Amino acid sequence: MKNEKKTDIPRATAKRLSIYYRVFKRFYAGNIEKASSKEIAEAIGIDSATVRRDFSYFGELGRRGFGYNVKELMDFFADILNDTSITNVMLIGVGNMGRALLHYRFHERNKMKIVMAFEADDSPAVGTIDEQIPIHAISELKERIAEANSQTAILTVPSIKAQEVTDILVEAGIKGILSFSPVNLTVPKDVVVQYVDLTSELQTLLYFMRKGE
């Protein structure tokens, strides 16, 4: 299998990579050795032409008429998504959403692990441990980042504090931010931000539900 990885793939394709990985892991767990683009598409809920187009950005991942080798593709996407070694993540903000993420077993599903969390200096949570994860003051972030061995942060702070905290993260050396705050963050070009807007997603869901009535 020729795996000439291309970095200039469309954003829509990039957002599907983890879904492909999950599907191939499920196929593998079910002892399925080969899967067609149609079977992959049906498992995801898209059309097979989209699957073939997505895969074409990475070279020859399969042969026409023979399908895709499940184990090879599972390993391929694991490598692309850096799921072959543990990725340490820091959690910024331990409110209701933050607590839920602290209790979410990332490491049992993928090789991601929240190793420490941060809260406002005057928060009663500072100095405590939740799910074996220490919670530190945000003012300590720069000195703790080496200890965390992480360049990735999940941001679950109030919107009015999001940019201020982001500036602290960037100055400390963070290169990737998953933000649950519904505001556009200003960051340098070498920092990647991915947004999770639960309200927007729910509104979109309700729109399509009403559209189908």
N, C-alpha and C. Protein backbone atom coordinates (compact mmCIF):
# COMPACT_ATOMS: atom_id res chain seq x y z
N MET A 1 0.84 -1.19 0.00
CA MET A 1 0.00 0.00 0.00
C MET A 1 0.87 1.24 0.00
N LYS A 2 0.66 2.11 -0.97
CA LYS A 2 1.43 3.34 -1.05
C LYS A 2 0.75 4.42 -0.21
N ASN A 3 1.47 4.94 0.78
CA ASN A 3 0.88 5.92 1.67
C ASN A 3 1.62 7.24 1.58
N GLU A 4 1.52 7.90 0.45
CA GLU A 4 2.14 9.20 0.30
C GLU A 4 1.18 10.24 0.88
N LYS A 5 1.41 10.61 2.14
CA LYS A 5 0.49 11.49 2.83
C LYS A 5 0.59 12.91 2.29
N LYS A 6 -0.55 13.53 2.08
CA LYS A 6 -0.60 14.91 1.65
C LYS A 6 -1.14 15.76 2.79
N THR A 7 -0.56 16.91 3.00
CA THR A 7 -0.98 17.76 4.09
C THR A 7 -2.04 18.77 3.68
N ASP A 8 -2.16 19.05 2.38
CA ASP A 8 -3.09 20.06 1.91
C ASP A 8 -4.45 19.44 1.58
N ILE A 9 -5.05 18.77 2.55
CA ILE A 9 -6.35 18.17 2.34
C ILE A 9 -7.44 19.14 2.79
N PRO A 10 -8.65 19.04 2.21
CA PRO A 10 -9.74 19.94 2.60
C PRO A 10 -10.10 19.76 4.08
N ARG A 11 -10.58 20.83 4.68
CA ARG A 11 -10.93 20.79 6.09
C ARG A 11 -12.04 19.76 6.36
N ALA A 12 -12.99 19.65 5.43
CA ALA A 12 -14.09 18.68 5.60
C ALA A 12 -13.55 17.26 5.67
N THR A 13 -12.54 16.97 4.84
CA THR A 13 -11.91 15.65 4.86
C THR A 13 -11.17 15.44 6.17
N ALA A 14 -10.43 16.45 6.60
CA ALA A 14 -9.67 16.35 7.85
C ALA A 14 -10.58 16.05 9.04
N LYS A 15 -11.78 16.64 9.02
CA LYS A 15 -12.71 16.43 10.13
C LYS A 15 -13.29 15.02 10.15
N ARG A 16 -13.19 14.32 9.01
CA ARG A 16 -13.70 12.95 8.94
C ARG A 16 -12.65 11.90 9.29
N LEU A 17 -11.39 12.28 9.43
CA LEU A 17 -10.34 11.30 9.66
C LEU A 17 -10.57 10.48 10.92
N SER A 18 -10.93 11.14 12.00
CA SER A 18 -11.15 10.40 13.25
C SER A 18 -12.37 9.49 13.14
N ILE A 19 -13.35 9.88 12.29
CA ILE A 19 -14.52 9.03 12.09
C ILE A 19 -14.13 7.77 11.32
N TYR A 20 -13.30 7.94 10.28
CA TYR A 20 -12.80 6.77 9.55
C TYR A 20 -12.03 5.84 10.50
N TYR A 21 -11.20 6.43 11.33
CA TYR A 21 -10.41 5.64 12.27
C TYR A 21 -11.32 4.82 13.19
N ARG A 22 -12.37 5.47 13.70
CA ARG A 22 -13.30 4.79 14.60
C ARG A 22 -14.00 3.64 13.89
N VAL A 23 -14.38 3.88 12.63
CA VAL A 23 -15.07 2.84 11.87
C VAL A 23 -14.16 1.64 11.62
N PHE A 24 -12.91 1.90 11.25
CA PHE A 24 -11.99 0.79 11.00
C PHE A 24 -11.67 0.03 12.29
N LYS A 25 -11.62 0.73 13.42
CA LYS A 25 -11.43 0.03 14.70
C LYS A 25 -12.63 -0.87 14.99
N ARG A 26 -13.82 -0.39 14.67
CA ARG A 26 -15.02 -1.20 14.89
C ARG A 26 -15.04 -2.41 13.96
N PHE A 27 -14.67 -2.21 12.69
CA PHE A 27 -14.58 -3.33 11.75
C PHE A 27 -13.58 -4.37 12.26
N TYR A 28 -12.43 -3.88 12.70
CA TYR A 28 -11.37 -4.78 13.16
C TYR A 28 -11.84 -5.59 14.37
N ALA A 29 -12.53 -4.91 15.29
CA ALA A 29 -13.04 -5.61 16.47
C ALA A 29 -14.06 -6.67 16.10
N GLY A 30 -14.73 -6.46 14.95
CA GLY A 30 -15.71 -7.42 14.47
C GLY A 30 -15.12 -8.47 13.54
N ASN A 31 -13.78 -8.54 13.50
CA ASN A 31 -13.06 -9.54 12.69
C ASN A 31 -13.34 -9.40 11.19
N ILE A 32 -13.60 -8.17 10.76
CA ILE A 32 -13.78 -7.91 9.33
C ILE A 32 -12.42 -7.57 8.73
N GLU A 33 -12.01 -8.29 7.71
CA GLU A 33 -10.67 -8.11 7.14
C GLU A 33 -10.64 -7.08 6.02
N LYS A 34 -11.71 -7.02 5.21
CA LYS A 34 -11.75 -6.07 4.10
C LYS A 34 -13.10 -5.36 4.09
N ALA A 35 -13.09 -4.10 3.64
CA ALA A 35 -14.33 -3.34 3.56
C ALA A 35 -14.33 -2.51 2.28
N SER A 36 -15.47 -2.43 1.64
CA SER A 36 -15.60 -1.63 0.42
C SER A 36 -15.90 -0.18 0.79
N SER A 37 -15.74 0.70 -0.18
CA SER A 37 -16.06 2.11 0.07
C SER A 37 -17.54 2.26 0.41
N LYS A 38 -18.39 1.42 -0.16
CA LYS A 38 -19.82 1.48 0.14
C LYS A 38 -20.08 1.11 1.59
N GLU A 39 -19.42 0.06 2.07
CA GLU A 39 -19.61 -0.37 3.45
C GLU A 39 -19.09 0.69 4.44
N ILE A 40 -17.97 1.31 4.09
CA ILE A 40 -17.41 2.37 4.93
C ILE A 40 -18.37 3.56 4.96
N ALA A 41 -18.87 3.92 3.77
CA ALA A 41 -19.78 5.06 3.65
C ALA A 41 -21.06 4.83 4.45
N GLU A 42 -21.61 3.63 4.37
CA GLU A 42 -22.84 3.32 5.10
C GLU A 42 -22.62 3.37 6.60
N ALA A 43 -21.43 2.98 7.05
CA ALA A 43 -21.13 3.00 8.48
C ALA A 43 -21.03 4.42 9.01
N ILE A 44 -20.71 5.37 8.12
CA ILE A 44 -20.53 6.76 8.53
C ILE A 44 -21.76 7.61 8.23
N GLY A 45 -22.49 7.24 7.15
CA GLY A 45 -23.65 8.01 6.76
C GLY A 45 -23.35 9.03 5.68
N ILE A 46 -22.37 8.69 4.82
CA ILE A 46 -22.04 9.55 3.67
C ILE A 46 -22.08 8.68 2.42
N ASP A 47 -21.77 9.26 1.26
CA ASP A 47 -21.79 8.46 0.03
C ASP A 47 -20.40 7.91 -0.25
N SER A 48 -20.35 6.81 -0.99
CA SER A 48 -19.09 6.12 -1.26
C SER A 48 -18.13 6.97 -2.08
N ALA A 49 -18.66 7.86 -2.93
CA ALA A 49 -17.79 8.74 -3.72
C ALA A 49 -16.98 9.65 -2.82
N THR A 50 -17.60 10.11 -1.72
CA THR A 50 -16.88 10.96 -0.76
C THR A 50 -15.76 10.19 -0.09
N VAL A 51 -16.01 8.94 0.25
CA VAL A 51 -14.98 8.09 0.86
C VAL A 51 -13.80 7.95 -0.09
N ARG A 52 -14.07 7.61 -1.33
CA ARG A 52 -12.99 7.42 -2.30
C ARG A 52 -12.21 8.72 -2.53
N ARG A 53 -12.95 9.83 -2.58
CA ARG A 53 -12.28 11.13 -2.77
C ARG A 53 -11.40 11.47 -1.56
N ASP A 54 -11.93 11.25 -0.37
CA ASP A 54 -11.14 11.51 0.84
C ASP A 54 -9.86 10.68 0.85
N PHE A 55 -10.00 9.41 0.54
CA PHE A 55 -8.85 8.51 0.58
C PHE A 55 -7.83 8.84 -0.50
N SER A 56 -8.29 9.43 -1.62
CA SER A 56 -7.38 9.73 -2.72
C SER A 56 -6.32 10.76 -2.33
N TYR A 57 -6.60 11.56 -1.31
CA TYR A 57 -5.62 12.56 -0.87
C TYR A 57 -4.40 11.91 -0.22
N PHE A 58 -4.49 10.63 0.10
CA PHE A 58 -3.41 9.95 0.80
C PHE A 58 -2.73 8.88 -0.05
N GLY A 59 -2.94 8.94 -1.34
CA GLY A 59 -2.30 7.95 -2.20
C GLY A 59 -3.18 6.73 -2.38
N GLU A 60 -2.56 5.61 -2.68
CA GLU A 60 -3.30 4.37 -2.94
C GLU A 60 -3.52 3.61 -1.63
N LEU A 61 -4.71 3.74 -1.08
CA LEU A 61 -5.04 3.05 0.17
C LEU A 61 -5.71 1.71 -0.08
N GLY A 62 -6.12 1.48 -1.30
CA GLY A 62 -6.76 0.21 -1.64
C GLY A 62 -6.75 0.02 -3.13
N ARG A 63 -7.26 -1.12 -3.58
CA ARG A 63 -7.31 -1.40 -5.02
C ARG A 63 -8.76 -1.61 -5.44
N ARG A 64 -9.12 -1.02 -6.59
CA ARG A 64 -10.49 -1.13 -7.09
C ARG A 64 -10.88 -2.61 -7.24
N GLY A 65 -11.99 -2.96 -6.68
CA GLY A 65 -12.48 -4.33 -6.78
C GLY A 65 -12.04 -5.22 -5.63
N PHE A 66 -11.05 -4.76 -4.86
CA PHE A 66 -10.55 -5.58 -3.76
C PHE A 66 -10.93 -5.00 -2.39
N GLY A 67 -11.36 -3.76 -2.36
CA GLY A 67 -11.73 -3.15 -1.09
C GLY A 67 -10.51 -2.68 -0.32
N TYR A 68 -10.74 -2.31 0.91
CA TYR A 68 -9.68 -1.77 1.77
C TYR A 68 -9.36 -2.74 2.90
N ASN A 69 -8.07 -2.95 3.11
CA ASN A 69 -7.62 -3.82 4.19
C ASN A 69 -7.87 -3.12 5.52
N VAL A 70 -8.72 -3.69 6.34
CA VAL A 70 -9.16 -3.04 7.58
C VAL A 70 -8.00 -2.80 8.54
N LYS A 71 -7.16 -3.81 8.77
CA LYS A 71 -6.05 -3.65 9.72
C LYS A 71 -5.06 -2.59 9.24
N GLU A 72 -4.74 -2.60 7.94
CA GLU A 72 -3.80 -1.62 7.39
C GLU A 72 -4.35 -0.21 7.50
N LEU A 73 -5.63 -0.04 7.19
CA LEU A 73 -6.23 1.29 7.24
C LEU A 73 -6.39 1.77 8.69
N MET A 74 -6.70 0.86 9.59
CA MET A 74 -6.79 1.23 11.01
C MET A 74 -5.45 1.77 11.50
N ASP A 75 -4.37 1.04 11.14
CA ASP A 75 -3.03 1.47 11.54
C ASP A 75 -2.64 2.77 10.83
N PHE A 76 -3.06 2.92 9.59
CA PHE A 76 -2.75 4.12 8.82
C PHE A 76 -3.35 5.37 9.46
N PHE A 77 -4.63 5.28 9.81
CA PHE A 77 -5.28 6.44 10.42
C PHE A 77 -4.81 6.66 11.86
N ALA A 78 -4.42 5.60 12.53
CA ALA A 78 -3.85 5.76 13.88
C ALA A 78 -2.57 6.58 13.80
N ASP A 79 -1.79 6.31 12.75
CA ASP A 79 -0.53 7.05 12.57
C ASP A 79 -0.79 8.51 12.21
N ILE A 80 -1.73 8.75 11.30
CA ILE A 80 -2.06 10.12 10.91
C ILE A 80 -2.56 10.93 12.11
N LEU A 81 -3.38 10.29 12.94
CA LEU A 81 -3.99 10.98 14.07
C LEU A 81 -3.12 10.93 15.33
N ASN A 82 -1.90 10.40 15.17
CA ASN A 82 -0.97 10.31 16.29
C ASN A 82 -1.58 9.53 17.45
N ASP A 83 -2.30 8.48 17.13
CA ASP A 83 -2.92 7.65 18.17
C ASP A 83 -2.09 6.41 18.45
N THR A 84 -0.79 6.50 18.15
CA THR A 84 0.11 5.39 18.42
C THR A 84 0.89 5.61 19.70
N SER A 85 0.80 6.81 20.27
CA SER A 85 1.45 7.11 21.55
C SER A 85 0.56 8.05 22.33
N ILE A 86 0.74 8.09 23.64
CA ILE A 86 -0.10 8.90 24.50
C ILE A 86 0.12 10.39 24.23
N THR A 87 -0.98 11.13 24.05
CA THR A 87 -0.92 12.58 23.91
C THR A 87 -1.44 13.21 25.20
N ASN A 88 -0.59 13.96 25.88
CA ASN A 88 -0.99 14.62 27.11
C ASN A 88 -1.75 15.90 26.79
N VAL A 89 -2.83 16.12 27.51
CA VAL A 89 -3.68 17.28 27.30
C VAL A 89 -3.90 17.99 28.64
N MET A 90 -3.97 19.32 28.59
CA MET A 90 -4.28 20.09 29.79
C MET A 90 -5.69 20.66 29.67
N LEU A 91 -6.42 20.68 30.77
CA LEU A 91 -7.77 21.21 30.81
C LEU A 91 -7.76 22.56 31.52
N ILE A 92 -8.30 23.56 30.85
CA ILE A 92 -8.33 24.90 31.40
C ILE A 92 -9.78 25.28 31.69
N GLY A 93 -10.12 25.32 32.97
CA GLY A 93 -11.49 25.62 33.37
C GLY A 93 -12.16 24.38 33.91
N VAL A 94 -12.47 24.40 35.22
CA VAL A 94 -13.05 23.21 35.84
C VAL A 94 -14.44 23.53 36.38
N GLY A 95 -15.28 24.11 35.49
CA GLY A 95 -16.68 24.32 35.82
C GLY A 95 -17.45 23.06 35.52
N ASN A 96 -18.74 23.18 35.21
CA ASN A 96 -19.56 22.00 34.95
C ASN A 96 -19.05 21.20 33.75
N MET A 97 -18.75 21.90 32.64
CA MET A 97 -18.23 21.22 31.45
C MET A 97 -16.86 20.62 31.73
N GLY A 98 -16.01 21.40 32.40
CA GLY A 98 -14.67 20.91 32.71
C GLY A 98 -14.70 19.66 33.56
N ARG A 99 -15.57 19.65 34.57
CA ARG A 99 -15.69 18.46 35.43
C ARG A 99 -16.12 17.25 34.63
N ALA A 100 -17.06 17.45 33.71
CA ALA A 100 -17.53 16.34 32.88
C ALA A 100 -16.38 15.77 32.06
N LEU A 101 -15.52 16.65 31.52
CA LEU A 101 -14.39 16.20 30.72
C LEU A 101 -13.34 15.51 31.59
N LEU A 102 -13.17 15.98 32.82
CA LEU A 102 -12.24 15.31 33.73
C LEU A 102 -12.66 13.86 33.97
N HIS A 103 -13.95 13.64 33.98
CA HIS A 103 -14.46 12.29 34.28
C HIS A 103 -14.59 11.43 33.02
N TYR A 104 -14.39 12.04 31.85
CA TYR A 104 -14.49 11.30 30.59
C TYR A 104 -13.21 10.49 30.37
N ARG A 105 -13.38 9.21 30.06
CA ARG A 105 -12.22 8.31 29.97
C ARG A 105 -11.59 8.38 28.57
N PHE A 106 -10.93 9.49 28.26
CA PHE A 106 -10.28 9.64 26.96
C PHE A 106 -9.32 8.48 26.69
N HIS A 107 -8.49 8.16 27.69
CA HIS A 107 -7.42 7.18 27.48
C HIS A 107 -7.94 5.78 27.25
N GLU A 108 -9.20 5.51 27.62
CA GLU A 108 -9.76 4.18 27.40
C GLU A 108 -10.29 4.03 25.97
N ARG A 109 -10.50 5.16 25.28
CA ARG A 109 -11.04 5.14 23.93
C ARG A 109 -9.98 5.46 22.89
N ASN A 110 -9.10 6.38 23.22
CA ASN A 110 -7.99 6.75 22.35
C ASN A 110 -6.80 7.08 23.24
N LYS A 111 -5.65 7.29 22.63
CA LYS A 111 -4.44 7.53 23.40
C LYS A 111 -4.29 9.03 23.71
N MET A 112 -5.32 9.57 24.38
CA MET A 112 -5.29 10.94 24.85
C MET A 112 -5.55 10.93 26.35
N LYS A 113 -4.86 11.80 27.06
CA LYS A 113 -4.99 11.77 28.51
C LYS A 113 -4.88 13.18 29.08
N ILE A 114 -5.88 13.59 29.86
CA ILE A 114 -5.79 14.85 30.58
C ILE A 114 -4.87 14.62 31.77
N VAL A 115 -3.78 15.35 31.81
CA VAL A 115 -2.77 15.12 32.86
C VAL A 115 -2.83 16.14 33.99
N MET A 116 -3.37 17.33 33.70
CA MET A 116 -3.57 18.32 34.76
C MET A 116 -4.59 19.35 34.30
N ALA A 117 -5.17 20.03 35.30
CA ALA A 117 -6.20 21.03 35.01
C ALA A 117 -5.84 22.33 35.70
N PHE A 118 -6.44 23.42 35.21
CA PHE A 118 -6.16 24.74 35.76
C PHE A 118 -7.46 25.51 35.98
N GLU A 119 -7.46 26.29 37.05
CA GLU A 119 -8.61 27.13 37.38
C GLU A 119 -8.11 28.51 37.80
N ALA A 120 -9.04 29.45 37.94
CA ALA A 120 -8.68 30.78 38.43
C ALA A 120 -7.99 30.67 39.79
N ASP A 121 -7.03 31.55 40.03
CA ASP A 121 -6.22 31.46 41.25
C ASP A 121 -7.05 31.42 42.53
N ASP A 122 -8.19 32.11 42.53
CA ASP A 122 -9.00 32.18 43.77
C ASP A 122 -10.08 31.10 43.84
N SER A 123 -10.04 30.15 42.90
CA SER A 123 -11.04 29.08 42.90
C SER A 123 -10.77 28.07 44.01
N PRO A 124 -11.81 27.62 44.71
CA PRO A 124 -11.63 26.61 45.76
C PRO A 124 -11.15 25.26 45.21
N ALA A 125 -11.24 25.09 43.88
CA ALA A 125 -10.80 23.83 43.27
C ALA A 125 -9.28 23.73 43.21
N VAL A 126 -8.60 24.88 43.24
CA VAL A 126 -7.14 24.89 43.14
C VAL A 126 -6.53 24.15 44.33
N GLY A 127 -5.61 23.26 44.01
CA GLY A 127 -4.94 22.48 45.05
C GLY A 127 -5.61 21.15 45.33
N THR A 128 -6.72 20.88 44.65
CA THR A 128 -7.42 19.61 44.85
C THR A 128 -7.08 18.64 43.72
N ILE A 129 -7.54 17.41 43.85
CA ILE A 129 -7.31 16.37 42.84
C ILE A 129 -8.66 15.75 42.50
N ASP A 130 -8.95 15.63 41.22
CA ASP A 130 -10.20 15.04 40.75
C ASP A 130 -9.86 13.99 39.71
N GLU A 131 -10.35 12.76 39.90
CA GLU A 131 -10.04 11.66 38.99
C GLU A 131 -8.52 11.50 38.83
N GLN A 132 -7.79 11.69 39.93
CA GLN A 132 -6.33 11.58 39.98
C GLN A 132 -5.64 12.66 39.14
N ILE A 133 -6.38 13.71 38.78
CA ILE A 133 -5.83 14.81 37.99
C ILE A 133 -5.69 16.04 38.88
N PRO A 134 -4.49 16.56 39.08
CA PRO A 134 -4.31 17.74 39.93
C PRO A 134 -4.85 19.00 39.28
N ILE A 135 -5.42 19.88 40.10
CA ILE A 135 -5.95 21.15 39.61
C ILE A 135 -5.09 22.28 40.17
N HIS A 136 -4.47 23.04 39.26
CA HIS A 136 -3.54 24.10 39.64
C HIS A 136 -4.12 25.48 39.33
N ALA A 137 -3.50 26.50 39.86
CA ALA A 137 -3.87 27.88 39.56
C ALA A 137 -3.38 28.24 38.17
N ILE A 138 -4.18 29.02 37.45
CA ILE A 138 -3.82 29.39 36.08
C ILE A 138 -2.51 30.17 36.05
N SER A 139 -2.18 30.87 37.11
CA SER A 139 -0.93 31.63 37.15
C SER A 139 0.30 30.73 37.15
N GLU A 140 0.11 29.45 37.42
CA GLU A 140 1.22 28.50 37.47
C GLU A 140 1.43 27.81 36.13
N LEU A 141 0.62 28.14 35.12
CA LEU A 141 0.63 27.38 33.88
C LEU A 141 2.01 27.36 33.22
N LYS A 142 2.67 28.50 33.13
CA LYS A 142 3.97 28.56 32.46
C LYS A 142 5.00 27.66 33.11
N GLU A 143 4.97 27.56 34.43
CA GLU A 143 5.94 26.72 35.11
C GLU A 143 5.54 25.26 35.14
N ARG A 144 4.25 24.99 34.90
CA ARG A 144 3.76 23.61 34.94
C ARG A 144 3.77 22.93 33.58
N ILE A 145 3.90 23.70 32.50
CA ILE A 145 3.73 23.13 31.17
C ILE A 145 4.81 22.09 30.85
N ALA A 146 6.02 22.31 31.33
CA ALA A 146 7.08 21.32 31.10
C ALA A 146 6.76 20.03 31.83
N GLU A 147 6.24 20.16 33.03
CA GLU A 147 5.85 18.99 33.83
C GLU A 147 4.73 18.21 33.14
N ALA A 148 3.81 18.94 32.52
CA ALA A 148 2.69 18.30 31.83
C ALA A 148 3.14 17.62 30.54
N ASN A 149 4.26 18.08 29.95
CA ASN A 149 4.75 17.56 28.68
C ASN A 149 3.63 17.60 27.64
N SER A 150 3.04 18.79 27.49
CA SER A 150 1.89 18.93 26.61
C SER A 150 1.93 20.25 25.86
N GLN A 151 1.43 20.21 24.62
CA GLN A 151 1.25 21.43 23.84
C GLN A 151 -0.21 21.59 23.42
N THR A 152 -1.07 20.85 24.11
CA THR A 152 -2.48 20.82 23.76
C THR A 152 -3.34 21.15 24.97
N ALA A 153 -4.35 22.00 24.76
CA ALA A 153 -5.23 22.39 25.86
C ALA A 153 -6.69 22.37 25.44
N ILE A 154 -7.55 21.98 26.38
CA ILE A 154 -8.99 22.08 26.20
C ILE A 154 -9.44 23.28 27.01
N LEU A 155 -10.17 24.18 26.36
CA LEU A 155 -10.56 25.44 26.99
C LEU A 155 -12.06 25.44 27.29
N THR A 156 -12.41 25.48 28.57
CA THR A 156 -13.82 25.50 28.98
C THR A 156 -14.03 26.62 29.99
N VAL A 157 -13.66 27.82 29.62
CA VAL A 157 -13.81 28.97 30.51
C VAL A 157 -14.93 29.87 30.00
N PRO A 158 -15.46 30.78 30.83
CA PRO A 158 -16.50 31.71 30.36
C PRO A 158 -16.02 32.51 29.15
N SER A 159 -16.93 32.86 28.28
CA SER A 159 -16.59 33.57 27.04
C SER A 159 -15.78 34.84 27.29
N ILE A 160 -16.14 35.58 28.34
CA ILE A 160 -15.46 36.86 28.61
C ILE A 160 -14.00 36.66 29.02
N LYS A 161 -13.65 35.45 29.41
CA LYS A 161 -12.28 35.16 29.84
C LYS A 161 -11.50 34.39 28.78
N ALA A 162 -12.17 33.95 27.71
CA ALA A 162 -11.56 33.04 26.74
C ALA A 162 -10.30 33.61 26.10
N GLN A 163 -10.36 34.86 25.59
CA GLN A 163 -9.19 35.43 24.92
C GLN A 163 -8.05 35.67 25.90
N GLU A 164 -8.38 36.15 27.08
CA GLU A 164 -7.35 36.39 28.10
C GLU A 164 -6.61 35.11 28.45
N VAL A 165 -7.36 34.04 28.65
CA VAL A 165 -6.74 32.75 28.99
C VAL A 165 -5.99 32.19 27.80
N THR A 166 -6.53 32.38 26.59
CA THR A 166 -5.84 31.93 25.38
C THR A 166 -4.48 32.59 25.24
N ASP A 167 -4.41 33.88 25.53
CA ASP A 167 -3.12 34.59 25.47
C ASP A 167 -2.11 33.97 26.42
N ILE A 168 -2.58 33.56 27.60
CA ILE A 168 -1.69 32.91 28.57
C ILE A 168 -1.20 31.57 28.03
N LEU A 169 -2.12 30.82 27.40
CA LEU A 169 -1.76 29.51 26.84
C LEU A 169 -0.72 29.65 25.74
N VAL A 170 -0.95 30.60 24.84
CA VAL A 170 -0.02 30.81 23.72
C VAL A 170 1.34 31.23 24.23
N GLU A 171 1.38 32.12 25.21
CA GLU A 171 2.65 32.57 25.77
C GLU A 171 3.39 31.42 26.45
N ALA A 172 2.63 30.47 27.00
CA ALA A 172 3.24 29.33 27.69
C ALA A 172 3.74 28.27 26.72
N GLY A 173 3.35 28.36 25.44
CA GLY A 173 3.85 27.41 24.45
C GLY A 173 2.82 26.43 23.90
N ILE A 174 1.54 26.64 24.22
CA ILE A 174 0.50 25.76 23.70
C ILE A 174 0.34 25.98 22.19
N LYS A 175 0.22 24.88 21.43
CA LYS A 175 0.11 24.95 19.98
C LYS A 175 -1.25 24.48 19.45
N GLY A 176 -2.05 23.88 20.31
CA GLY A 176 -3.36 23.42 19.89
C GLY A 176 -4.39 23.63 20.98
N ILE A 177 -5.54 24.22 20.62
CA ILE A 177 -6.58 24.52 21.59
C ILE A 177 -7.92 23.99 21.09
N LEU A 178 -8.59 23.21 21.93
CA LEU A 178 -9.97 22.80 21.66
C LEU A 178 -10.84 23.68 22.54
N SER A 179 -11.59 24.59 21.92
CA SER A 179 -12.33 25.60 22.68
C SER A 179 -13.82 25.32 22.72
N PHE A 180 -14.37 25.30 23.93
CA PHE A 180 -15.81 25.18 24.12
C PHE A 180 -16.45 26.55 24.33
N SER A 181 -15.66 27.61 24.22
CA SER A 181 -16.17 28.97 24.38
C SER A 181 -16.62 29.48 23.01
N PRO A 182 -17.87 29.95 22.89
CA PRO A 182 -18.42 30.36 21.59
C PRO A 182 -17.96 31.74 21.13
N VAL A 183 -16.67 31.97 21.15
CA VAL A 183 -16.10 33.22 20.64
C VAL A 183 -14.90 32.89 19.77
N ASN A 184 -14.67 33.66 18.73
CA ASN A 184 -13.51 33.45 17.87
C ASN A 184 -12.27 33.98 18.58
N LEU A 185 -11.28 33.13 18.69
CA LEU A 185 -10.06 33.49 19.41
C LEU A 185 -8.99 33.98 18.44
N THR A 186 -8.24 34.96 18.86
CA THR A 186 -7.13 35.48 18.07
C THR A 186 -5.84 34.80 18.53
N VAL A 187 -5.20 34.07 17.62
CA VAL A 187 -3.99 33.33 17.96
C VAL A 187 -2.98 33.48 16.82
N PRO A 188 -1.68 33.24 17.09
CA PRO A 188 -0.67 33.27 16.03
C PRO A 188 -0.93 32.18 15.00
N LYS A 189 -0.32 32.30 13.81
CA LYS A 189 -0.54 31.35 12.73
C LYS A 189 -0.10 29.94 13.06
N ASP A 190 0.85 29.79 14.00
CA ASP A 190 1.35 28.46 14.32
C ASP A 190 0.54 27.79 15.43
N VAL A 191 -0.56 28.39 15.84
CA VAL A 191 -1.43 27.80 16.86
C VAL A 191 -2.76 27.42 16.19
N VAL A 192 -3.20 26.20 16.42
CA VAL A 192 -4.44 25.70 15.82
C VAL A 192 -5.55 25.70 16.85
N VAL A 193 -6.71 26.24 16.46
CA VAL A 193 -7.87 26.25 17.35
C VAL A 193 -9.01 25.49 16.70
N GLN A 194 -9.60 24.59 17.44
CA GLN A 194 -10.79 23.86 16.99
C GLN A 194 -11.93 24.22 17.95
N TYR A 195 -13.08 24.56 17.39
CA TYR A 195 -14.19 25.02 18.22
C TYR A 195 -15.27 23.94 18.36
N VAL A 196 -15.82 23.85 19.56
CA VAL A 196 -16.96 22.97 19.83
C VAL A 196 -18.07 23.86 20.37
N ASP A 197 -19.11 24.06 19.57
CA ASP A 197 -20.23 24.91 19.97
C ASP A 197 -21.46 24.03 20.10
N LEU A 198 -21.75 23.59 21.32
CA LEU A 198 -22.85 22.65 21.55
C LEU A 198 -24.19 23.29 21.23
N THR A 199 -24.36 24.57 21.54
CA THR A 199 -25.62 25.25 21.25
C THR A 199 -25.89 25.29 19.76
N SER A 200 -24.86 25.63 18.98
CA SER A 200 -25.01 25.68 17.53
C SER A 200 -25.35 24.31 16.97
N GLU A 201 -24.67 23.28 17.47
CA GLU A 201 -24.93 21.92 16.98
C GLU A 201 -26.36 21.49 17.29
N LEU A 202 -26.85 21.84 18.48
CA LEU A 202 -28.22 21.49 18.86
C LEU A 202 -29.22 22.24 18.00
N GLN A 203 -28.96 23.52 17.75
CA GLN A 203 -29.85 24.31 16.90
C GLN A 203 -29.90 23.73 15.48
N THR A 204 -28.75 23.29 14.98
CA THR A 204 -28.70 22.68 13.65
C THR A 204 -29.51 21.39 13.63
N LEU A 205 -29.38 20.59 14.69
CA LEU A 205 -30.15 19.35 14.81
C LEU A 205 -31.65 19.65 14.78
N LEU A 206 -32.08 20.63 15.55
CA LEU A 206 -33.51 20.97 15.60
C LEU A 206 -34.01 21.48 14.26
N TYR A 207 -33.14 22.22 13.55
CA TYR A 207 -33.51 22.73 12.23
C TYR A 207 -33.83 21.57 11.28
N PHE A 208 -32.92 20.57 11.26
CA PHE A 208 -33.14 19.45 10.35
C PHE A 208 -34.32 18.59 10.79
N MET A 209 -34.56 18.53 12.10
CA MET A 209 -35.74 17.80 12.59
C MET A 209 -37.01 18.46 12.09
N ARG A 210 -37.08 19.80 12.20
CA ARG A 210 -38.27 20.52 11.75
C ARG A 210 -38.42 20.44 10.23
N LYS A 211 -37.26 20.47 9.54
CA LYS A 211 -37.28 20.41 8.08
C LYS A 211 -37.85 19.08 7.60
N GLY A 212 -37.66 18.03 8.39
CA GLY A 212 -38.13 16.71 7.99
C GLY A 212 -39.58 16.44 8.33
N GLU A 213 -40.21 17.38 9.03
CA GLU A 213 -41.62 17.16 9.43
C GLU A 213 -42.57 17.33 8.24
